[in-house]
Amino acid sequence: MLDLFADEEPWQEPLAPGAVVLRRFALAQVSALMQGIAQVASQSPQRHMVTPGGYTMSVAMTNCGSLGWTTNQQGYLYSPIDPQTQRPWPAMPEAFSALCRQASVAAGYPDFRPDACLINRYAPGAKLSLHQDKDEPDLRAPIVSVSLGLPAIFQFGGLKRNDPLKRLMLEHGDIVVWGGPSRLFYHGIAPLKSGYHPITGECRYNLTFRQAGNNE
């Protein structure tokens, strides 16, 4: 089914120093992105990871790329092996890499070379609590986050958990990129509201690109 908004021209919205929202930037690649998600999930299925504290995450997750984000009883880590399949994570689809390159250039980070992509699936009620992305060895590299499907409220704060939050609606095809002064800002996703999207059905997908290894 064709995306109803496929002809909408992308635009940019500043979010914070070093951070920008690229509205509708991914729309032209949606079909290839959805194929890539299905391809990755067929090799490394989506799963609800359990945090070191024993909490089962409401968001279902898998990974692709040379490294994947996962958890164990000691904490959070990046691993070349999927602990569920005991095989390497699937390779990052070319459509993923190409979109990330385009978005990072548009946001002012032309040298970003991700080696990990988290694929999150949100069902109604799923959320992501406020957190910092700080498990990566090189915090100079930005984060590139792609939204597909149902809209969600993105919360973006500051360097302290209790800093004031900006709340903005992320819709199908939007990309948020943050780095530099904003790289360690707290952020999260409010509980997803029920709905239906012609591309993703009753859920939202999020692709989060990171540089998780020591790329020199």
C-alpha atoms as a PDB file:
ATOM      1  CA  MET A   1       0.000   0.000   0.000  1.00  0.00           C
ATOM      2  CA  LEU A   2       1.387   3.391  -0.984  1.00  0.00           C
ATOM      3  CA  ASP A   3       2.316   5.787   1.771  1.00  0.00           C
ATOM      4  CA  LEU A   4      -0.217   8.606   1.855  1.00  0.00           C
ATOM      5  CA  PHE A   5       2.536  11.147   2.587  1.00  0.00           C
ATOM      6  CA  ALA A   6       5.211   9.936   0.176  1.00  0.00           C
ATOM      7  CA  ASP A   7       5.107  13.192  -1.839  1.00  0.00           C
ATOM      8  CA  GLU A   8       5.706  15.428   1.185  1.00  0.00           C
ATOM      9  CA  GLU A   9       8.993  17.325   1.012  1.00  0.00           C
ATOM     10  CA  PRO A  10      11.360  16.810   3.982  1.00  0.00           C
ATOM     11  CA  TRP A  11      12.309  19.717   6.219  1.00  0.00           C
ATOM     12  CA  GLN A  12      14.518  20.304   9.268  1.00  0.00           C
ATOM     13  CA  GLU A  13      13.671  21.472  12.784  1.00  0.00           C
ATOM     14  CA  PRO A  14      16.446  22.411  15.256  1.00  0.00           C
ATOM     15  CA  LEU A  15      16.068  20.529  18.537  1.00  0.00           C
ATOM     16  CA  ALA A  16      19.112  21.490  20.646  1.00  0.00           C
ATOM     17  CA  PRO A  17      22.800  22.331  20.059  1.00  0.00           C
ATOM     18  CA  GLY A  18      24.061  19.476  17.901  1.00  0.00           C
ATOM     19  CA  ALA A  19      20.569  17.977  17.517  1.00  0.00           C
ATOM     20  CA  VAL A  20      18.053  18.236  14.676  1.00  0.00           C
ATOM     21  CA  VAL A  21      14.798  16.626  13.544  1.00  0.00           C
ATOM     22  CA  LEU A  22      14.748  15.698   9.851  1.00  0.00           C
ATOM     23  CA  ARG A  23      11.046  15.595   9.172  1.00  0.00           C
ATOM     24  CA  ARG A  24       9.849  12.958   6.635  1.00  0.00           C
ATOM     25  CA  PHE A  25      13.465  12.330   5.595  1.00  0.00           C
ATOM     26  CA  ALA A  26      13.015   8.539   5.373  1.00  0.00           C
ATOM     27  CA  LEU A  27       9.754   8.449   3.394  1.00  0.00           C
ATOM     28  CA  ALA A  28      11.339   7.675   0.028  1.00  0.00           C
ATOM     29  CA  GLN A  29      13.114   4.609   1.471  1.00  0.00           C
ATOM     30  CA  VAL A  30      10.260   3.133   3.518  1.00  0.00           C
ATOM     31  CA  SER A  31       9.666   0.069   1.343  1.00  0.00           C
ATOM     32  CA  ALA A  32      13.339  -0.941   1.395  1.00  0.00           C
ATOM     33  CA  LEU A  33      13.575  -0.237   5.125  1.00  0.00           C
ATOM     34  CA  MET A  34      10.598  -2.480   5.904  1.00  0.00           C
ATOM     35  CA  GLN A  35      12.080  -5.237   3.766  1.00  0.00           C
ATOM     36  CA  GLY A  36      15.323  -4.857   5.696  1.00  0.00           C
ATOM     37  CA  ILE A  37      13.539  -5.112   9.039  1.00  0.00           C
ATOM     38  CA  ALA A  38      11.823  -8.324   7.938  1.00  0.00           C
ATOM     39  CA  GLN A  39      15.115  -9.730   6.642  1.00  0.00           C
ATOM     40  CA  VAL A  40      16.962  -9.031   9.895  1.00  0.00           C
ATOM     41  CA  ALA A  41      14.124 -10.356  12.087  1.00  0.00           C
ATOM     42  CA  SER A  42      13.992 -13.597  10.107  1.00  0.00           C
ATOM     43  CA  GLN A  43      17.587 -14.283  11.192  1.00  0.00           C
ATOM     44  CA  SER A  44      17.607 -12.671  14.656  1.00  0.00           C
ATOM     45  CA  PRO A  45      14.002 -12.531  15.902  1.00  0.00           C
ATOM     46  CA  GLN A  46      12.618  -9.648  17.905  1.00  0.00           C
ATOM     47  CA  ARG A  47      12.685 -10.325  21.639  1.00  0.00           C
ATOM     48  CA  HIS A  48      11.880  -8.543  24.917  1.00  0.00           C
ATOM     49  CA  MET A  49      15.223  -8.199  26.646  1.00  0.00           C
ATOM     50  CA  VAL A  50      15.532  -8.381  30.416  1.00  0.00           C
ATOM     51  CA  THR A  51      17.489  -5.650  32.166  1.00  0.00           C
ATOM     52  CA  PRO A  52      20.191  -6.439  34.749  1.00  0.00           C
ATOM     53  CA  GLY A  53      17.623  -5.548  37.428  1.00  0.00           C
ATOM     54  CA  GLY A  54      15.220  -8.203  36.150  1.00  0.00           C
ATOM     55  CA  TYR A  55      12.815  -5.867  34.353  1.00  0.00           C
ATOM     56  CA  THR A  56      11.432  -7.131  31.033  1.00  0.00           C
ATOM     57  CA  MET A  57      11.492  -4.318  28.493  1.00  0.00           C
ATOM     58  CA  SER A  58       8.142  -3.447  26.901  1.00  0.00           C
ATOM     59  CA  VAL A  59       9.863  -2.749  23.588  1.00  0.00           C
ATOM     60  CA  ALA A  60      10.759  -5.751  21.411  1.00  0.00           C
ATOM     61  CA  MET A  61      14.257  -5.517  19.971  1.00  0.00           C
ATOM     62  CA  THR A  62      16.766  -7.000  17.588  1.00  0.00           C
ATOM     63  CA  ASN A  63      19.990  -5.727  15.987  1.00  0.00           C
ATOM     64  CA  CYS A  64      21.985  -5.727  12.793  1.00  0.00           C
ATOM     65  CA  GLY A  65      25.538  -4.744  11.958  1.00  0.00           C
ATOM     66  CA  SER A  66      28.856  -6.027  13.236  1.00  0.00           C
ATOM     67  CA  LEU A  67      27.789  -5.325  16.831  1.00  0.00           C
ATOM     68  CA  GLY A  68      24.445  -5.572  18.600  1.00  0.00           C
ATOM     69  CA  TRP A  69      23.204  -4.041  21.852  1.00  0.00           C
ATOM     70  CA  THR A  70      22.128  -6.560  24.463  1.00  0.00           C
ATOM     71  CA  THR A  71      21.933  -7.180  28.200  1.00  0.00           C
ATOM     72  CA  ASN A  72      23.083  -9.709  30.752  1.00  0.00           C
ATOM     73  CA  GLN A  73      23.161  -9.915  34.542  1.00  0.00           C
ATOM     74  CA  GLN A  74      26.233  -7.682  34.665  1.00  0.00           C
ATOM     75  CA  GLY A  75      24.809  -4.836  32.584  1.00  0.00           C
ATOM     76  CA  TYR A  76      24.430  -3.569  29.036  1.00  0.00           C
ATOM     77  CA  LEU A  77      26.927  -4.370  26.322  1.00  0.00           C
ATOM     78  CA  TYR A  78      27.617  -4.603  22.613  1.00  0.00           C
ATOM     79  CA  SER A  79      28.357  -8.074  21.317  1.00  0.00           C
ATOM     80  CA  PRO A  80      29.179  -9.481  17.862  1.00  0.00           C
ATOM     81  CA  ILE A  81      27.050 -12.537  18.707  1.00  0.00           C
ATOM     82  CA  ASP A  82      23.283 -12.689  19.140  1.00  0.00           C
ATOM     83  CA  PRO A  83      22.856 -14.455  22.510  1.00  0.00           C
ATOM     84  CA  GLN A  84      19.540 -15.941  21.366  1.00  0.00           C
ATOM     85  CA  THR A  85      20.764 -17.563  18.131  1.00  0.00           C
ATOM     86  CA  GLN A  86      24.452 -17.893  19.090  1.00  0.00           C
ATOM     87  CA  ARG A  87      25.305 -16.571  15.626  1.00  0.00           C
ATOM     88  CA  PRO A  88      26.636 -13.216  14.455  1.00  0.00           C
ATOM     89  CA  TRP A  89      24.025 -10.505  14.133  1.00  0.00           C
ATOM     90  CA  PRO A  90      22.709 -10.079  10.577  1.00  0.00           C
ATOM     91  CA  ALA A  91      24.577  -7.691   8.325  1.00  0.00           C
ATOM     92  CA  MET A  92      23.205  -4.162   8.133  1.00  0.00           C
ATOM     93  CA  PRO A  93      20.997  -3.892   5.023  1.00  0.00           C
ATOM     94  CA  GLU A  94      22.312  -1.493   2.409  1.00  0.00           C
ATOM     95  CA  ALA A  95      19.113   0.557   2.584  1.00  0.00           C
ATOM     96  CA  PHE A  96      19.793   1.147   6.286  1.00  0.00           C
ATOM     97  CA  SER A  97      23.406   2.227   5.685  1.00  0.00           C
ATOM     98  CA  ALA A  98      22.482   4.494   2.777  1.00  0.00           C
ATOM     99  CA  LEU A  99      19.744   6.302   4.708  1.00  0.00           C
ATOM    100  CA  CYS A 100      21.985   6.752   7.736  1.00  0.00           C
ATOM    101  CA  ARG A 101      24.719   8.260   5.565  1.00  0.00           C
ATOM    102  CA  GLN A 102      22.262  10.708   4.007  1.00  0.00           C
ATOM    103  CA  ALA A 103      20.765  11.701   7.359  1.00  0.00           C
ATOM    104  CA  SER A 104      24.086  12.151   9.126  1.00  0.00           C
ATOM    105  CA  VAL A 105      25.374  14.370   6.313  1.00  0.00           C
ATOM    106  CA  ALA A 106      22.173  16.443   6.395  1.00  0.00           C
ATOM    107  CA  ALA A 107      22.541  16.859  10.158  1.00  0.00           C
ATOM    108  CA  GLY A 108      26.175  17.952   9.965  1.00  0.00           C
ATOM    109  CA  TYR A 109      27.932  14.690  10.854  1.00  0.00           C
ATOM    110  CA  PRO A 110      29.441  13.584   7.518  1.00  0.00           C
ATOM    111  CA  ASP A 111      32.038  11.298   9.102  1.00  0.00           C
ATOM    112  CA  PHE A 112      29.581   9.103  11.028  1.00  0.00           C
ATOM    113  CA  ARG A 113      30.137   5.404  10.289  1.00  0.00           C
ATOM    114  CA  PRO A 114      27.710   3.231  12.289  1.00  0.00           C
ATOM    115  CA  ASP A 115      28.508  -0.394  13.004  1.00  0.00           C
ATOM    116  CA  ALA A 116      25.342  -1.164  14.988  1.00  0.00           C
ATOM    117  CA  CYS A 117      21.644  -0.637  14.316  1.00  0.00           C
ATOM    118  CA  LEU A 118      19.041  -1.392  16.980  1.00  0.00           C
ATOM    119  CA  ILE A 119      15.587  -2.261  15.629  1.00  0.00           C
ATOM    120  CA  ASN A 120      12.897  -1.534  18.219  1.00  0.00           C
ATOM    121  CA  ARG A 121       9.249  -2.544  17.797  1.00  0.00           C
ATOM    122  CA  TYR A 122       6.674  -0.692  19.907  1.00  0.00           C
ATOM    123  CA  ALA A 123       3.222  -2.148  20.472  1.00  0.00           C
ATOM    124  CA  PRO A 124       0.526   0.010  22.121  1.00  0.00           C
ATOM    125  CA  GLY A 125       1.605   0.828  25.679  1.00  0.00           C
ATOM    126  CA  ALA A 126       5.300   0.150  25.017  1.00  0.00           C
ATOM    127  CA  LYS A 127       7.686   2.881  26.118  1.00  0.00           C
ATOM    128  CA  LEU A 128      11.343   3.684  26.601  1.00  0.00           C
ATOM    129  CA  SER A 129      12.194   5.314  29.915  1.00  0.00           C
ATOM    130  CA  LEU A 130      14.481   8.339  30.083  1.00  0.00           C
ATOM    131  CA  HIS A 131      18.073   7.251  29.567  1.00  0.00           C
ATOM    132  CA  GLN A 132      21.437   8.284  28.150  1.00  0.00           C
ATOM    133  CA  ASP A 133      23.173   6.417  25.329  1.00  0.00           C
ATOM    134  CA  LYS A 134      26.570   6.001  26.948  1.00  0.00           C
ATOM    135  CA  ASP A 135      27.610   2.378  26.322  1.00  0.00           C
ATOM    136  CA  GLU A 136      29.564   3.405  23.228  1.00  0.00           C
ATOM    137  CA  PRO A 137      33.355   3.897  23.487  1.00  0.00           C
ATOM    138  CA  ASP A 138      33.483   7.024  21.295  1.00  0.00           C
ATOM    139  CA  LEU A 139      30.922   9.579  22.411  1.00  0.00           C
ATOM    140  CA  ARG A 140      31.970  11.965  19.649  1.00  0.00           C
ATOM    141  CA  ALA A 141      29.885   9.919  17.210  1.00  0.00           C
ATOM    142  CA  PRO A 142      26.214  10.956  16.977  1.00  0.00           C
ATOM    143  CA  ILE A 143      23.021   8.916  17.260  1.00  0.00           C
ATOM    144  CA  VAL A 144      20.708   8.610  14.244  1.00  0.00           C
ATOM    145  CA  SER A 145      17.141   7.512  15.080  1.00  0.00           C
ATOM    146  CA  VAL A 146      14.525   6.701  12.399  1.00  0.00           C
ATOM    147  CA  SER A 147      10.772   6.504  13.128  1.00  0.00           C
ATOM    148  CA  LEU A 148       8.440   4.290  11.079  1.00  0.00           C
ATOM    149  CA  GLY A 149       4.732   3.655  11.544  1.00  0.00           C
ATOM    150  CA  LEU A 150       2.570   4.917  14.376  1.00  0.00           C
ATOM    151  CA  PRO A 151       3.422   8.360  15.826  1.00  0.00           C
ATOM    152  CA  ALA A 152       5.126   8.580  19.197  1.00  0.00           C
ATOM    153  CA  ILE A 153       5.990  11.285  21.719  1.00  0.00           C
ATOM    154  CA  PHE A 154       9.770  11.725  21.889  1.00  0.00           C
ATOM    155  CA  GLN A 155      11.081  13.206  25.130  1.00  0.00           C
ATOM    156  CA  PHE A 156      14.412  15.056  24.937  1.00  0.00           C
ATOM    157  CA  GLY A 157      15.939  16.574  28.049  1.00  0.00           C
ATOM    158  CA  GLY A 158      19.414  17.581  29.134  1.00  0.00           C
ATOM    159  CA  LEU A 159      22.527  16.220  30.790  1.00  0.00           C
ATOM    160  CA  LYS A 160      20.671  15.602  34.070  1.00  0.00           C
ATOM    161  CA  ARG A 161      17.681  13.311  34.440  1.00  0.00           C
ATOM    162  CA  ASN A 162      15.574  16.057  36.026  1.00  0.00           C
ATOM    163  CA  ASP A 163      16.322  18.685  33.377  1.00  0.00           C
ATOM    164  CA  PRO A 164      13.239  20.098  31.599  1.00  0.00           C
ATOM    165  CA  LEU A 165      11.938  17.924  28.780  1.00  0.00           C
ATOM    166  CA  LYS A 166      11.011  18.853  25.266  1.00  0.00           C
ATOM    167  CA  ARG A 167       8.161  16.680  23.991  1.00  0.00           C
ATOM    168  CA  LEU A 168       7.660  16.365  20.275  1.00  0.00           C
ATOM    169  CA  MET A 169       5.605  14.114  18.065  1.00  0.00           C
ATOM    170  CA  LEU A 170       7.655  11.864  15.796  1.00  0.00           C
ATOM    171  CA  GLU A 171       5.764  10.645  12.771  1.00  0.00           C
ATOM    172  CA  HIS A 172       6.341   8.129   9.994  1.00  0.00           C
ATOM    173  CA  GLY A 173       9.602   8.901   8.189  1.00  0.00           C
ATOM    174  CA  ASP A 174      11.006  11.361  10.736  1.00  0.00           C
ATOM    175  CA  ILE A 175      14.659  11.103  11.781  1.00  0.00           C
ATOM    176  CA  VAL A 176      16.283  12.596  14.880  1.00  0.00           C
ATOM    177  CA  VAL A 177      20.051  13.077  14.933  1.00  0.00           C
ATOM    178  CA  TRP A 178      21.901  14.221  18.034  1.00  0.00           C
ATOM    179  CA  GLY A 179      25.564  14.550  18.907  1.00  0.00           C
ATOM    180  CA  GLY A 180      28.122  17.107  20.016  1.00  0.00           C
ATOM    181  CA  PRO A 181      26.817  19.062  23.043  1.00  0.00           C
ATOM    182  CA  SER A 182      23.585  17.013  23.018  1.00  0.00           C
ATOM    183  CA  ARG A 183      25.163  13.574  22.692  1.00  0.00           C
ATOM    184  CA  LEU A 184      24.500  12.553  26.311  1.00  0.00           C
ATOM    185  CA  PHE A 185      21.134  14.244  26.718  1.00  0.00           C
ATOM    186  CA  TYR A 186      18.474  12.128  28.414  1.00  0.00           C
ATOM    187  CA  HIS A 187      15.721  10.968  26.075  1.00  0.00           C
ATOM    188  CA  GLY A 188      12.882   8.470  25.894  1.00  0.00           C
ATOM    189  CA  ILE A 189       9.568   7.508  24.282  1.00  0.00           C
ATOM    190  CA  ALA A 190       6.227   7.977  26.055  1.00  0.00           C
ATOM    191  CA  PRO A 191       3.832   4.980  26.071  1.00  0.00           C
ATOM    192  CA  LEU A 192       2.668   4.374  22.512  1.00  0.00           C
ATOM    193  CA  LYS A 193      -0.992   5.084  21.850  1.00  0.00           C
ATOM    194  CA  SER A 194      -3.133   2.552  20.000  1.00  0.00           C
ATOM    195  CA  GLY A 195      -3.660   3.105  16.303  1.00  0.00           C
ATOM    196  CA  TYR A 196      -3.185   1.681  12.849  1.00  0.00           C
ATOM    197  CA  HIS A 197      -0.658   2.615  10.190  1.00  0.00           C
ATOM    198  CA  PRO A 198      -0.956   1.336   6.598  1.00  0.00           C
ATOM    199  CA  ILE A 199       2.715   0.338   6.485  1.00  0.00           C
ATOM    200  CA  THR A 200       3.395  -1.061   9.960  1.00  0.00           C
ATOM    201  CA  GLY A 201      -0.068  -1.982  11.212  1.00  0.00           C
ATOM    202  CA  GLU A 202      -0.626  -1.548  14.950  1.00  0.00           C
ATOM    203  CA  CYS A 203       2.978  -0.782  15.879  1.00  0.00           C
ATOM    204  CA  ARG A 204       5.899   1.579  15.506  1.00  0.00           C
ATOM    205  CA  TYR A 205       9.418   0.666  14.452  1.00  0.00           C
ATOM    206  CA  ASN A 206      12.534   2.603  15.359  1.00  0.00           C
ATOM    207  CA  LEU A 207      15.985   2.183  13.825  1.00  0.00           C
ATOM    208  CA  THR A 208      18.798   3.553  15.985  1.00  0.00           C
ATOM    209  CA  PHE A 209      22.236   3.774  14.415  1.00  0.00           C
ATOM    210  CA  ARG A 210      25.308   3.930  16.610  1.00  0.00           C
ATOM    211  CA  GLN A 211      29.085   3.616  16.423  1.00  0.00           C
ATOM    212  CA  ALA A 212      29.631   0.929  19.020  1.00  0.00           C
ATOM    213  CA  GLY A 213      33.179  -0.180  18.194  1.00  0.00           C
ATOM    214  CA  ASN A 214      36.469   1.685  18.246  1.00  0.00           C
ATOM    215  CA  ASN A 215      36.372   3.018  14.691  1.00  0.00           C
ATOM    216  CA  GLU A 216      39.499   4.964  13.934  1.00  0.00           C
END
